[in-house]
Amino acid sequence: MKRLITKKLIPGMILSDNVYSYDNNQLVLPKGTVLDNQAITKLSFYSVANVLVEDYDESLDNMPTDSSDGSYASRLRETAEFKEFKQDFENCSQKFKSGIDDLINDKENFSLEEVMSPIYALMHKGNNPSNILDMLHSLRRYDDATYVHCVSVAMICNIMGQWLRMSDDDIEVLTEAGLLHDIGKLMIPSEIITKPTNLTSDEYTVVQTHPAQGYMVLSDLDVSDHVKNAALMHHERCDGSGYPAHLKGPQIDYYAKIVSIADVYDAMTSARVYRDPLCPFLAIELFESEGLQRYDTNAIMTFLQNIVNTYLLNKVRLNNGQEGEIIFINRDHLSRPTLKIGSDYVDLTQHPDLHIEQIL
């Protein structure tokens, strides 16, 4: 038996204990579950930090970091466009890290414009929102995970603002909110954040202070109240199941509601060392089955509909190995479109045992 942090889990591992959500003690996965990409992503959806697994072959820890299966993500990583994006993204993350060091240790020298301008430059280089999302998904994880995550969430928030038809000024505020939403986590002792064993009740209580700590860091900064509230409320959920205050829909800042979606989506779909990025349809299915009541209805539906629409006419692979083309989006079940497979048409709403596993 061994406890592993969620980002190191590998398909095929078996849970040796029940896993419960931290916010409301809901059973997420039962003991004995054989982990696959869907199960691991469900753990990310519920922000589960680590789990107990049965003994496994530790050679799995050294699985290759790059896929060579000809997938869309692996092909994308070979393009000059992606390589340039990756370099620019890493520069954004480094500038953000330097800027946050100033914000925490020397606030008078902090310049929000200096950390935001590289992000806008990177957004303007992207051909379109779906192309930017694909490249974000395909980035591997880095040591400075919080900084990288914040830059990713900022870019996803920017895209969501466009899809929600917000004004340019509001999109700017939303992007700032995404970038600064998790800075409170940098105030948590690193030995707790990176602890490989189970957190004690007291330690998890400390982790749950990061929204309030982020709000305090931003409290006297010249930024919108929406930015400050996003730091404080990005773990709140519309059904009251979040933290720290268990707020419900009308009590949660609208910008924080959008940031919470971007935050969870990035956690679910980001590439890991052992695998390519999760297929967006698996993330969409999780939102549809377990999350719609937890998030702002207009924001989550606008986000999911736009993601699905970008994959219309794309070739995909199902979990049974069949390959086909998406030809129709089922509006009531966005994660389960109709495919053309050879000369047949397969409506996934009629086949609950099938799901889209990979974009080809």
Protein backbone atom coordinates (compact mmCIF):
# COMPACT_ATOMS: atom_id res chain seq x y z
CA MET A 1 0.00 0.00 0.00
CA LYS A 2 1.33 3.44 -0.90
CA ARG A 3 -0.01 6.99 -0.85
CA LEU A 4 0.50 8.97 -4.05
CA ILE A 5 -0.35 12.51 -5.03
CA THR A 6 -3.02 12.60 -7.73
CA LYS A 7 -0.77 13.92 -10.49
CA LYS A 8 1.43 10.80 -10.17
CA LEU A 9 -1.39 8.29 -10.54
CA ILE A 10 -1.20 5.95 -13.52
CA PRO A 11 -4.03 3.99 -15.18
CA GLY A 12 -4.14 0.43 -13.84
CA MET A 13 -3.43 1.34 -10.22
CA ILE A 14 -6.01 0.14 -7.69
CA LEU A 15 -7.42 2.23 -4.83
CA SER A 16 -6.86 0.58 -1.44
CA ASP A 17 -9.32 2.82 0.41
CA ASN A 18 -12.47 4.84 -0.23
CA VAL A 19 -11.82 8.38 -1.49
CA TYR A 20 -13.99 11.23 -0.21
CA SER A 21 -14.16 14.87 -1.29
CA TYR A 22 -12.59 17.33 1.11
CA ASP A 23 -15.31 19.96 0.93
CA ASN A 24 -18.41 17.91 1.83
CA ASN A 25 -17.12 14.38 2.54
CA GLN A 26 -18.87 12.94 -0.52
CA LEU A 27 -17.72 9.50 -1.73
CA VAL A 28 -15.79 10.13 -4.94
CA LEU A 29 -14.44 6.63 -5.70
CA PRO A 30 -14.78 3.39 -3.71
CA LYS A 31 -12.02 1.11 -2.49
CA GLY A 32 -10.98 -1.37 -5.18
CA THR A 33 -11.51 1.01 -8.11
CA VAL A 34 -9.09 0.25 -10.95
CA LEU A 35 -7.96 3.68 -12.07
CA ASP A 36 -8.34 4.81 -15.66
CA ASN A 37 -8.11 8.28 -17.16
CA GLN A 38 -11.74 8.99 -16.27
CA ALA A 39 -11.28 8.02 -12.63
CA ILE A 40 -8.05 10.00 -12.25
CA THR A 41 -9.72 13.01 -13.80
CA LYS A 42 -12.66 12.63 -11.41
CA LEU A 43 -10.17 12.96 -8.55
CA SER A 44 -8.94 16.22 -10.10
CA PHE A 45 -12.55 17.37 -10.52
CA TYR A 46 -13.05 17.01 -6.76
CA SER A 47 -9.60 18.49 -5.94
CA VAL A 48 -8.42 15.28 -4.25
CA ALA A 49 -4.74 15.79 -3.48
CA ASN A 50 -3.59 12.21 -2.81
CA VAL A 51 -4.91 8.67 -2.43
CA LEU A 52 -3.89 5.24 -1.14
CA VAL A 53 -3.17 2.66 -3.85
CA GLU A 54 -2.27 -1.00 -3.69
CA ASP A 55 1.34 -2.03 -4.31
CA TYR A 56 2.31 -1.60 -7.96
CA ASP A 57 5.24 -2.07 -10.30
CA GLU A 58 7.40 0.99 -9.58
CA SER A 59 8.91 0.79 -13.06
CA LEU A 60 5.68 2.50 -14.12
CA ASP A 61 7.10 5.63 -12.50
CA ASN A 62 9.61 5.85 -15.34
CA MET A 63 7.18 5.68 -18.19
CA PRO A 64 8.25 7.83 -21.18
CA THR A 65 7.23 11.46 -21.04
CA ASP A 66 6.29 11.76 -24.69
CA SER A 67 3.62 9.90 -26.61
CA SER A 68 4.45 8.50 -30.03
CA ASP A 69 1.03 7.10 -30.86
CA GLY A 70 0.29 9.58 -33.62
CA SER A 71 -2.38 11.34 -31.57
CA TYR A 72 -3.40 14.90 -32.28
CA ALA A 73 -1.54 16.11 -29.17
CA SER A 74 1.71 14.34 -30.07
CA ARG A 75 1.54 15.71 -33.63
CA LEU A 76 0.81 19.18 -32.30
CA ARG A 77 3.94 19.12 -30.12
CA GLU A 78 6.06 18.64 -33.22
CA THR A 79 4.87 21.82 -34.92
CA ALA A 80 6.87 25.04 -34.99
CA GLU A 81 3.78 26.89 -33.77
CA PHE A 82 3.57 24.78 -30.61
CA LYS A 83 7.29 25.02 -29.90
CA GLU A 84 7.09 28.81 -30.11
CA PHE A 85 3.97 28.81 -27.92
CA LYS A 86 5.70 26.60 -25.34
CA GLN A 87 8.68 28.96 -25.15
CA ASP A 88 6.48 32.02 -24.82
CA PHE A 89 4.31 30.29 -22.23
CA GLU A 90 7.36 29.40 -20.13
CA ASN A 91 8.49 33.04 -20.33
CA CYS A 92 5.02 34.13 -19.14
CA SER A 93 5.21 31.74 -16.20
CA GLN A 94 8.68 32.93 -15.22
CA LYS A 95 7.67 36.59 -15.36
CA PHE A 96 4.59 35.78 -13.30
CA LYS A 97 6.72 33.99 -10.71
CA SER A 98 9.06 36.99 -10.45
CA GLY A 99 6.10 39.36 -10.22
CA ILE A 100 4.42 37.33 -7.48
CA ASP A 101 7.66 37.27 -5.49
CA ASP A 102 7.47 41.08 -5.58
CA LEU A 103 3.78 41.03 -4.64
CA ILE A 104 4.42 38.85 -1.60
CA ASN A 105 7.76 40.26 -0.46
CA ASP A 106 8.00 43.79 -1.90
CA LYS A 107 4.54 44.97 -2.88
CA GLU A 108 5.67 48.48 -3.85
CA ASN A 109 7.64 47.05 -6.78
CA PHE A 110 4.82 44.84 -8.04
CA SER A 111 3.56 45.71 -11.51
CA LEU A 112 0.39 43.98 -12.65
CA GLU A 113 0.97 45.26 -16.17
CA GLU A 114 4.35 43.53 -16.35
CA VAL A 115 2.87 40.12 -15.55
CA MET A 116 -0.24 40.61 -17.70
CA SER A 117 1.34 41.93 -20.92
CA PRO A 118 3.12 38.64 -21.84
CA ILE A 119 -0.19 36.80 -21.47
CA TYR A 120 -1.98 39.17 -23.82
CA ALA A 121 0.88 38.88 -26.30
CA LEU A 122 0.56 35.11 -26.18
CA MET A 123 -3.22 35.25 -26.59
CA HIS A 124 -2.86 37.47 -29.66
CA LYS A 125 -0.47 34.98 -31.25
CA GLY A 126 -3.04 32.20 -31.08
CA ASN A 127 -5.03 31.54 -34.24
CA ASN A 128 -8.29 31.05 -32.33
CA PRO A 129 -9.51 30.07 -28.85
CA SER A 130 -9.74 26.35 -29.62
CA ASN A 131 -6.19 26.33 -30.95
CA ILE A 132 -4.95 27.99 -27.75
CA LEU A 133 -6.84 25.46 -25.60
CA ASP A 134 -5.31 22.57 -27.56
CA MET A 135 -1.82 23.93 -26.97
CA LEU A 136 -2.49 24.55 -23.28
CA HIS A 137 -3.75 20.97 -22.92
CA SER A 138 -0.59 19.62 -24.52
CA LEU A 139 1.91 21.36 -22.26
CA ARG A 140 3.54 18.95 -19.83
CA ARG A 141 3.51 19.72 -16.12
CA TYR A 142 6.32 21.76 -14.62
CA ASP A 143 7.97 21.95 -11.21
CA ASP A 144 6.43 25.37 -10.51
CA ALA A 145 2.95 23.90 -10.92
CA THR A 146 1.05 26.74 -9.22
CA TYR A 147 2.58 29.43 -11.43
CA VAL A 148 1.97 27.42 -14.60
CA HIS A 149 -1.59 26.63 -13.53
CA CYS A 150 -2.34 30.31 -12.87
CA VAL A 151 -1.13 31.37 -16.32
CA SER A 152 -3.21 28.59 -17.91
CA VAL A 153 -6.32 29.60 -15.95
CA ALA A 154 -5.81 33.25 -16.95
CA MET A 155 -5.77 32.28 -20.63
CA ILE A 156 -8.83 30.02 -20.28
CA CYS A 157 -10.65 32.87 -18.48
CA ASN A 158 -9.78 35.20 -21.34
CA ILE A 159 -11.30 32.73 -23.80
CA MET A 160 -14.39 32.28 -21.64
CA GLY A 161 -14.84 36.03 -21.50
CA GLN A 162 -14.85 36.14 -25.30
CA TRP A 163 -17.37 33.30 -25.52
CA LEU A 164 -19.58 35.02 -22.92
CA ARG A 165 -19.42 38.22 -25.03
CA MET A 166 -18.04 40.30 -22.19
CA SER A 167 -16.64 43.75 -22.91
CA ASP A 168 -12.89 44.18 -23.44
CA ASP A 169 -12.56 45.86 -20.04
CA ASP A 170 -14.43 43.03 -18.31
CA ILE A 171 -12.33 40.39 -20.11
CA GLU A 172 -9.21 42.16 -18.84
CA VAL A 173 -10.49 42.02 -15.26
CA LEU A 174 -11.48 38.36 -15.69
CA THR A 175 -8.01 37.51 -17.05
CA GLU A 176 -6.42 39.21 -14.04
CA ALA A 177 -8.74 37.26 -11.75
CA GLY A 178 -7.66 34.00 -13.37
CA LEU A 179 -3.99 34.86 -13.06
CA LEU A 180 -4.16 35.82 -9.38
CA HIS A 181 -6.80 33.36 -8.16
CA ASP A 182 -4.39 30.89 -6.55
CA ILE A 183 -1.69 33.11 -5.08
CA GLY A 184 -2.84 32.20 -1.58
CA LYS A 185 -1.49 28.71 -2.21
CA LEU A 186 1.99 30.23 -2.36
CA MET A 187 1.53 31.28 1.25
CA ILE A 188 1.00 27.68 2.38
CA PRO A 189 4.18 25.96 3.68
CA SER A 190 5.74 23.96 0.85
CA GLU A 191 6.12 20.91 3.08
CA ILE A 192 2.31 20.73 3.24
CA ILE A 193 1.65 21.46 -0.45
CA THR A 194 4.18 18.84 -1.61
CA LYS A 195 3.65 16.32 1.20
CA PRO A 196 3.63 12.81 -0.35
CA THR A 197 1.69 11.26 2.52
CA ASN A 198 -1.83 11.88 3.73
CA LEU A 199 -2.54 15.34 5.08
CA THR A 200 -3.64 15.46 8.69
CA SER A 201 -6.90 17.20 9.51
CA ASP A 202 -4.94 20.21 10.76
CA GLU A 203 -2.82 20.32 7.61
CA TYR A 204 -5.84 20.21 5.34
CA THR A 205 -7.38 23.00 7.39
CA VAL A 206 -4.24 25.01 6.59
CA VAL A 207 -4.63 24.23 2.86
CA GLN A 208 -8.21 25.46 2.98
CA THR A 209 -6.98 28.86 4.21
CA HIS A 210 -5.37 29.61 0.85
CA PRO A 211 -8.42 31.48 -0.56
CA ALA A 212 -8.50 33.80 2.47
CA GLN A 213 -4.73 34.23 2.36
CA GLY A 214 -4.90 35.14 -1.31
CA TYR A 215 -7.60 37.70 -0.58
CA MET A 216 -5.44 39.23 2.15
CA VAL A 217 -2.44 39.54 -0.19
CA LEU A 218 -4.63 41.38 -2.71
CA SER A 219 -6.67 43.40 -0.19
CA ASP A 220 -4.69 46.64 -0.46
CA LEU A 221 -3.65 46.20 -4.09
CA ASP A 222 -5.09 48.50 -6.75
CA VAL A 223 -7.11 45.81 -8.54
CA SER A 224 -10.81 45.23 -9.09
CA ASP A 225 -12.85 43.78 -6.25
CA HIS A 226 -13.76 41.00 -8.70
CA VAL A 227 -10.08 39.95 -8.73
CA LYS A 228 -9.94 39.90 -4.93
CA ASN A 229 -13.21 37.98 -4.71
CA ALA A 230 -12.01 35.40 -7.24
CA ALA A 231 -9.05 34.64 -4.97
CA LEU A 232 -11.43 34.26 -2.03
CA MET A 233 -14.30 32.42 -3.74
CA HIS A 234 -12.87 30.22 -6.50
CA HIS A 235 -13.52 27.07 -4.42
CA GLU A 236 -17.11 28.05 -3.63
CA ARG A 237 -19.82 26.19 -5.55
CA CYS A 238 -23.30 27.34 -6.50
CA ASP A 239 -24.93 24.46 -4.60
CA GLY A 240 -23.15 25.43 -1.37
CA SER A 241 -20.78 22.46 -1.44
CA GLY A 242 -17.60 24.54 -1.72
CA TYR A 243 -15.39 26.35 0.75
CA PRO A 244 -14.34 28.37 2.74
CA ALA A 245 -17.79 29.88 3.49
CA HIS A 246 -20.14 27.39 1.73
CA LEU A 247 -21.66 30.25 -0.25
CA LYS A 248 -24.46 29.59 -2.73
CA GLY A 249 -25.06 30.93 -6.23
CA PRO A 250 -26.21 34.53 -5.67
CA GLN A 251 -23.61 35.06 -2.94
CA ILE A 252 -20.64 34.21 -5.18
CA ASP A 253 -18.96 36.87 -7.32
CA TYR A 254 -19.73 36.20 -11.00
CA TYR A 255 -16.06 36.47 -11.95
CA ALA A 256 -15.19 33.90 -9.26
CA LYS A 257 -17.79 31.56 -10.77
CA ILE A 258 -16.06 31.77 -14.16
CA VAL A 259 -12.60 31.33 -12.63
CA SER A 260 -13.79 28.21 -10.77
CA ILE A 261 -14.74 26.57 -14.09
CA ALA A 262 -11.41 27.45 -15.72
CA ASP A 263 -9.57 26.25 -12.60
CA VAL A 264 -11.20 22.79 -12.59
CA TYR A 265 -11.09 22.38 -16.39
CA ASP A 266 -7.34 23.04 -16.46
CA ALA A 267 -6.76 20.59 -13.60
CA MET A 268 -8.73 17.89 -15.44
CA THR A 269 -7.43 18.29 -18.99
CA SER A 270 -3.75 19.15 -18.52
CA ALA A 271 -1.24 16.66 -19.85
CA ARG A 272 0.57 14.55 -17.29
CA VAL A 273 3.94 12.86 -17.39
CA TYR A 274 2.37 9.49 -18.15
CA ARG A 275 -0.25 10.52 -20.70
CA ASP A 276 -1.37 12.99 -23.30
CA PRO A 277 -3.99 15.55 -22.30
CA LEU A 278 -7.35 14.14 -21.34
CA CYS A 279 -9.86 14.15 -24.16
CA PRO A 280 -12.10 17.21 -23.63
CA PHE A 281 -15.20 15.01 -24.03
CA LEU A 282 -14.30 13.12 -20.84
CA ALA A 283 -14.03 16.42 -18.94
CA ILE A 284 -17.31 17.61 -20.45
CA GLU A 285 -18.99 14.35 -19.41
CA LEU A 286 -17.83 14.88 -15.82
CA PHE A 287 -19.22 18.41 -15.78
CA GLU A 288 -22.53 17.18 -17.22
CA SER A 289 -22.91 14.23 -14.85
CA GLU A 290 -21.60 15.73 -11.62
CA GLY A 291 -21.05 19.43 -11.95
CA LEU A 292 -23.79 21.41 -13.66
CA GLN A 293 -25.53 22.24 -10.39
CA ARG A 294 -22.21 23.27 -8.86
CA TYR A 295 -21.45 25.99 -11.44
CA ASP A 296 -23.14 29.04 -12.92
CA THR A 297 -25.55 27.68 -15.55
CA ASN A 298 -24.90 30.24 -18.27
CA ALA A 299 -21.12 30.23 -17.82
CA ILE A 300 -20.70 26.45 -17.75
CA MET A 301 -23.08 25.76 -20.64
CA THR A 302 -21.55 28.50 -22.81
CA PHE A 303 -18.09 27.12 -22.09
CA LEU A 304 -18.96 23.48 -22.80
CA GLN A 305 -21.01 24.23 -25.93
CA ASN A 306 -18.17 26.24 -27.44
CA ILE A 307 -15.62 23.53 -26.69
CA VAL A 308 -17.79 20.84 -28.25
CA ASN A 309 -18.50 22.94 -31.34
CA THR A 310 -14.77 23.25 -32.06
CA TYR A 311 -14.59 19.47 -32.53
CA LEU A 312 -17.49 19.12 -34.99
CA LEU A 313 -16.29 17.10 -38.04
CA ASN A 314 -13.17 15.98 -36.15
CA LYS A 315 -12.09 12.35 -36.25
CA VAL A 316 -12.17 10.62 -32.86
CA ARG A 317 -11.55 7.22 -31.30
CA LEU A 318 -14.04 5.51 -28.98
CA ASN A 319 -13.13 3.44 -25.94
CA ASN A 320 -13.89 0.25 -27.93
CA GLY A 321 -11.27 1.20 -30.54
CA GLN A 322 -13.69 2.29 -33.27
CA GLU A 323 -12.90 5.52 -35.11
CA GLY A 324 -15.36 7.93 -36.60
CA GLU A 325 -16.23 11.54 -37.38
CA ILE A 326 -18.38 13.81 -35.21
CA ILE A 327 -21.27 14.90 -37.38
CA PHE A 328 -23.91 16.10 -34.90
CA ILE A 329 -23.83 17.65 -31.42
CA ASN A 330 -26.58 16.53 -29.06
CA ARG A 331 -27.41 19.74 -27.17
CA ASP A 332 -28.89 17.89 -24.19
CA HIS A 333 -25.83 15.62 -23.91
CA LEU A 334 -22.86 17.59 -25.16
CA SER A 335 -20.33 14.86 -24.33
CA ARG A 336 -22.23 12.30 -26.41
CA PRO A 337 -22.46 13.45 -30.04
CA THR A 338 -23.47 11.40 -33.08
CA LEU A 339 -20.62 9.88 -35.07
CA LYS A 340 -20.30 8.53 -38.57
CA ILE A 341 -18.36 5.27 -38.41
CA GLY A 342 -17.87 3.82 -41.85
CA SER A 343 -21.35 3.80 -43.39
CA ASP A 344 -23.07 3.67 -39.98
CA TYR A 345 -24.29 6.46 -37.71
CA VAL A 346 -23.78 6.01 -33.97
CA ASP A 347 -25.67 8.23 -31.52
CA LEU A 348 -23.66 7.98 -28.31
CA THR A 349 -26.71 8.93 -26.23
CA GLN A 350 -28.04 5.48 -27.14
CA HIS A 351 -24.82 3.69 -26.17
CA PRO A 352 -23.97 4.46 -22.52
CA ASP A 353 -21.10 1.95 -22.60
CA LEU A 354 -19.27 3.99 -25.26
CA HIS A 355 -17.45 7.31 -24.94
CA ILE A 356 -14.99 9.38 -26.94
CA GLU A 357 -11.52 8.55 -25.69
CA GLN A 358 -9.23 10.51 -28.00
CA ILE A 359 -9.20 13.28 -30.59
CA LEU A 360 -7.34 12.05 -33.70
